[in-house]
Protein backbone atom coordinates (compact mmCIF):
# COMPACT_ATOMS: atom_id res chain seq x y z
CA MET A 1 -11.26 24.34 19.03
CA SER A 2 -10.10 21.26 20.91
CA SER A 3 -9.21 21.66 24.58
CA VAL A 4 -5.66 20.32 24.09
CA LYS A 5 -3.49 22.91 25.79
CA ASN A 6 0.01 21.41 25.81
CA ILE A 7 2.52 21.17 22.97
CA VAL A 8 6.00 19.64 23.06
CA ILE A 9 8.69 20.64 20.56
CA CYS A 10 11.73 18.34 20.42
CA SER A 11 14.84 20.28 19.40
CA ALA A 12 17.71 18.52 21.17
CA GLY A 13 19.62 16.96 18.27
CA VAL A 14 22.87 18.02 16.63
CA GLY A 15 21.40 18.26 13.12
CA SER A 16 24.48 16.69 11.55
CA ARG A 17 22.82 16.15 8.16
CA LEU A 18 22.03 19.85 7.94
CA GLY A 19 25.67 20.72 8.63
CA LEU A 20 25.21 24.28 9.96
CA ASN A 21 26.67 23.60 13.41
CA VAL A 22 23.48 24.83 15.05
CA PRO A 23 20.38 22.94 16.21
CA LYS A 24 17.88 22.61 13.38
CA CYS A 25 15.42 24.74 15.34
CA LEU A 26 17.85 27.65 14.87
CA ALA A 27 18.32 27.14 11.13
CA PRO A 28 17.66 30.45 9.36
CA VAL A 29 14.47 30.43 7.31
CA ALA A 30 13.34 33.65 5.62
CA GLY A 31 15.40 35.73 8.01
CA ARG A 32 14.30 34.10 11.27
CA PRO A 33 15.15 31.00 13.30
CA LEU A 34 12.92 28.11 12.31
CA ILE A 35 11.51 27.84 15.83
CA HIS A 36 10.17 31.42 15.67
CA TRP A 37 7.96 30.39 12.76
CA GLN A 38 6.69 27.51 14.90
CA LEU A 39 6.04 29.74 17.90
CA ASP A 40 4.00 32.09 15.71
CA LEU A 41 1.30 29.43 15.64
CA LEU A 42 1.16 28.50 19.32
CA ASP A 43 -0.41 31.49 21.05
CA ASP A 44 -3.49 29.46 21.96
CA PHE A 45 -1.49 26.80 23.80
CA GLU A 46 -1.30 27.24 27.54
CA THR A 47 1.94 25.30 27.85
CA VAL A 48 4.79 25.16 25.34
CA ILE A 49 7.52 22.70 26.32
CA VAL A 50 10.76 22.79 24.34
CA VAL A 51 13.26 19.95 24.72
CA VAL A 52 16.78 21.19 24.02
CA GLY A 53 20.23 19.63 24.09
CA TYR A 54 22.86 20.64 21.54
CA GLN A 55 23.71 24.32 22.07
CA ALA A 56 20.95 24.49 24.67
CA PRO A 57 21.71 28.07 25.84
CA GLN A 58 21.40 29.43 22.31
CA ALA A 59 18.15 27.55 21.70
CA ILE A 60 16.70 28.68 25.03
CA ARG A 61 17.61 32.28 24.35
CA ALA A 62 16.00 32.19 20.91
CA VAL A 63 12.75 30.85 22.36
CA LEU A 64 12.70 33.27 25.30
CA ASP A 65 13.19 36.16 22.88
CA TYR A 66 9.82 35.18 21.48
CA ARG A 67 7.90 33.40 24.25
CA GLY A 68 8.93 34.17 27.79
CA ASP A 69 6.71 31.55 29.46
CA ALA A 70 8.05 28.54 27.56
CA ILE A 71 9.14 25.58 29.66
CA PHE A 72 12.52 24.00 28.87
CA VAL A 73 13.66 20.45 29.39
CA ILE A 74 17.32 19.63 28.75
CA ASN A 75 18.34 16.32 27.23
CA HIS A 76 21.92 16.20 28.46
CA GLU A 77 22.47 12.90 26.61
CA TYR A 78 21.47 14.32 23.23
CA ARG A 79 24.51 12.83 21.48
CA THR A 80 23.63 9.26 22.41
CA THR A 81 19.84 9.38 22.54
CA ASN A 82 17.06 9.96 20.05
CA THR A 83 13.92 11.98 19.48
CA LEU A 84 11.72 9.56 21.38
CA ASP A 85 14.01 9.87 24.41
CA SER A 86 13.69 13.65 24.20
CA LEU A 87 9.92 13.38 23.99
CA LEU A 88 9.84 11.11 27.03
CA LEU A 89 11.70 13.79 28.96
CA GLY A 90 9.36 16.48 27.69
CA ILE A 91 6.13 14.75 28.75
CA ARG A 92 7.33 13.65 32.16
CA ARG A 93 4.86 15.88 34.00
CA LEU A 94 2.01 15.73 31.50
CA GLU A 95 -1.14 13.76 32.27
CA GLU A 96 -3.31 14.81 29.31
CA PRO A 97 -3.18 14.45 25.54
CA PHE A 98 -0.71 16.81 23.93
CA ILE A 99 0.54 17.91 20.52
CA TYR A 100 3.99 16.78 19.41
CA LEU A 101 5.88 18.97 16.93
CA ASP A 102 9.26 17.97 15.57
CA GLY A 103 11.80 20.75 15.97
CA ASP A 104 12.71 20.69 12.27
CA LEU A 105 9.17 20.91 10.89
CA LEU A 106 7.57 24.05 9.46
CA VAL A 107 3.78 23.98 9.42
CA ASN A 108 0.97 26.50 9.02
CA SER A 109 -1.98 27.29 11.26
CA SER A 110 -4.24 24.92 9.35
CA ALA A 111 -1.99 22.01 10.30
CA ILE A 112 -2.07 22.94 13.98
CA GLU A 113 -5.84 23.36 13.95
CA LEU A 114 -6.43 20.06 12.14
CA ILE A 115 -4.27 18.02 14.48
CA ARG A 116 -5.63 19.78 17.55
CA ASP A 117 -9.22 19.02 16.55
CA ALA A 118 -8.52 15.42 15.48
CA PRO A 119 -9.36 12.42 17.62
CA CYS A 120 -6.56 11.17 19.82
CA PRO A 121 -4.26 9.63 18.73
CA ALA A 122 -3.77 11.20 15.30
CA ILE A 123 -0.86 12.13 13.06
CA GLY A 124 -0.22 14.63 10.32
CA ILE A 125 0.60 13.21 6.89
CA LYS A 126 1.63 14.72 3.56
CA ARG A 127 2.14 13.43 0.03
CA THR A 128 5.64 11.99 0.05
CA TYR A 129 8.23 14.67 -0.64
CA SER A 130 11.20 14.40 1.75
CA GLU A 131 14.58 12.80 1.06
CA GLN A 132 14.32 9.92 3.55
CA PRO A 133 10.62 9.54 4.32
CA VAL A 134 8.87 7.25 6.73
CA CYS A 135 5.75 6.45 4.73
CA VAL A 136 2.35 5.45 6.04
CA LYS A 137 0.08 2.60 5.07
CA LEU A 138 -3.42 4.04 4.82
CA GLU A 139 -6.71 2.24 5.11
CA ASP A 140 -8.13 3.81 1.93
CA GLY A 141 -5.02 5.31 0.34
CA ASP A 142 -6.47 8.76 -0.33
CA GLY A 143 -4.97 10.68 2.58
CA LYS A 144 -8.15 10.67 4.64
CA GLY A 145 -8.27 7.24 6.22
CA LEU A 146 -6.79 5.51 9.21
CA VAL A 147 -3.06 4.87 9.38
CA LEU A 148 -2.45 1.12 9.56
CA GLY A 149 1.34 1.09 9.69
CA PHE A 150 4.68 2.69 8.83
CA THR A 151 7.28 1.66 6.29
CA ARG A 152 10.54 2.80 4.72
CA ASP A 153 9.13 1.70 1.35
CA ILE A 154 8.05 4.66 -0.76
CA LEU A 155 4.28 5.07 -0.67
CA GLU A 156 2.01 8.00 -1.54
CA TYR A 157 1.97 9.62 1.90
CA GLU A 158 4.55 10.10 4.63
CA TRP A 159 4.58 10.77 8.36
CA THR A 160 5.39 14.41 9.02
CA GLY A 161 6.47 14.84 12.63
CA LEU A 162 3.21 16.35 13.88
CA ALA A 163 0.94 14.29 16.12
CA LYS A 164 -1.66 14.29 18.86
CA LEU A 165 -0.74 11.69 21.46
CA THR A 166 -1.23 10.62 25.06
CA PRO A 167 1.65 10.40 27.54
CA GLU A 168 0.78 6.74 28.08
CA ALA A 169 1.31 5.89 24.41
CA VAL A 170 4.73 7.50 24.39
CA GLU A 171 5.78 5.92 27.67
CA SER A 172 4.78 2.47 26.36
CA ALA A 173 7.36 2.85 23.58
CA ALA A 174 10.30 3.62 25.86
CA GLY A 175 13.43 1.93 24.52
CA SER A 176 12.47 2.47 20.88
CA GLN A 177 14.13 5.03 18.61
CA TYR A 178 11.57 7.27 16.95
CA VAL A 179 8.30 8.96 17.81
CA TYR A 180 6.44 6.99 15.17
CA HIS A 181 7.32 3.87 17.15
CA ALA A 182 5.09 5.26 19.89
CA VAL A 183 2.34 5.79 17.32
CA GLU A 184 2.70 2.16 16.26
CA ARG A 185 1.54 1.11 19.72
CA CYS A 186 -1.80 2.81 19.00
CA LEU A 187 -2.55 1.61 15.47
CA PRO A 188 -4.82 2.18 13.72
CA VAL A 189 -4.76 5.96 14.25
CA ALA A 190 -6.49 8.88 12.57
CA SER A 191 -4.66 10.93 9.94
CA VAL A 192 -4.96 14.54 8.84
CA GLU A 193 -3.38 15.78 5.63
CA ILE A 194 -1.36 18.93 6.27
CA ASP A 195 0.91 21.39 4.51
CA CYS A 196 4.41 21.39 5.96
CA ILE A 197 8.08 21.08 5.14
CA GLU A 198 10.84 19.33 7.04
CA VAL A 199 14.34 20.83 7.35
CA ASP A 200 16.81 17.97 7.66
CA THR A 201 19.36 18.72 4.92
CA LYS A 202 20.71 21.77 3.08
CA ASN A 203 18.53 20.95 0.08
CA GLU A 204 15.47 20.83 2.32
CA LEU A 205 16.51 24.12 3.92
CA GLU A 206 16.50 25.75 0.48
CA GLU A 207 13.06 24.28 -0.18
CA ALA A 208 11.87 25.53 3.19
CA GLU A 209 13.01 29.04 2.29
CA LEU A 210 10.90 28.89 -0.87
CA TRP A 211 7.94 27.45 1.05
CA MET A 212 8.05 30.20 3.64
CA ASN A 213 8.54 32.93 1.05
CA GLN A 214 5.38 31.68 -0.64
CA GLN A 215 3.61 32.07 2.70
CA LEU A 216 4.93 35.60 3.05
CA ALA A 217 4.06 36.55 -0.52
CA SER A 218 0.48 35.45 0.03
CA GLY A 219 0.27 37.54 3.19
CA ASN A 220 0.16 34.51 5.45
CA SER A 221 3.50 35.07 7.22
CA GLY A 222 3.49 31.44 8.18
CA LYS A 223 0.34 31.87 10.26
CA SER A 224 -2.51 31.29 7.84
CA ALA A 225 -3.70 28.18 6.12
CA VAL A 226 -2.50 26.96 2.78
CA SER A 227 -5.01 24.67 1.12
CA VAL A 228 -4.14 21.00 1.32
């Protein structure tokens, strides 16, 4: 297992496209807040940093109910800033490579292990499935090569919201909008194909419920690998 010991979850946004009036990290999936499914997978991380903003007290309480040693960073400007701004706040005291996990992304343990053991920098990718994907240009096109770039054009694979990065790479992208803009500063980067599902809209929430129920039915409970 890689020695990476820090993970940052960005969960500050309003989640307006989801329309539940709660942060996406608190969206109910298979009877639990989404972030509890994420925390299931993070026991081996020494430091879990959660960036919160919208309904911060509720998000903090949900995390503390599950992991009492989590570190919280508040993005007070969550209405006028973006995910990259939240990540910049979250890594302020980090000096080592870390794992980034988007607060609306459900993954399994295989995904965490693959990204943790990958060279740095690296990103998780999946065959394109989401409603508004940011797709990746791959060196060899088969999901195993280097990522050469990002595009809004529909390609075979998309960026997922899981990455292994250095603080320096993120800081160099300050003033940009999205985390993948930080990854662009490092191109080409390694890719790992993972199983995951993003929760950004009500349709995707329904799909996430099915995805997680499949995990439960197989006895994985969100913690074990699903073949990719």
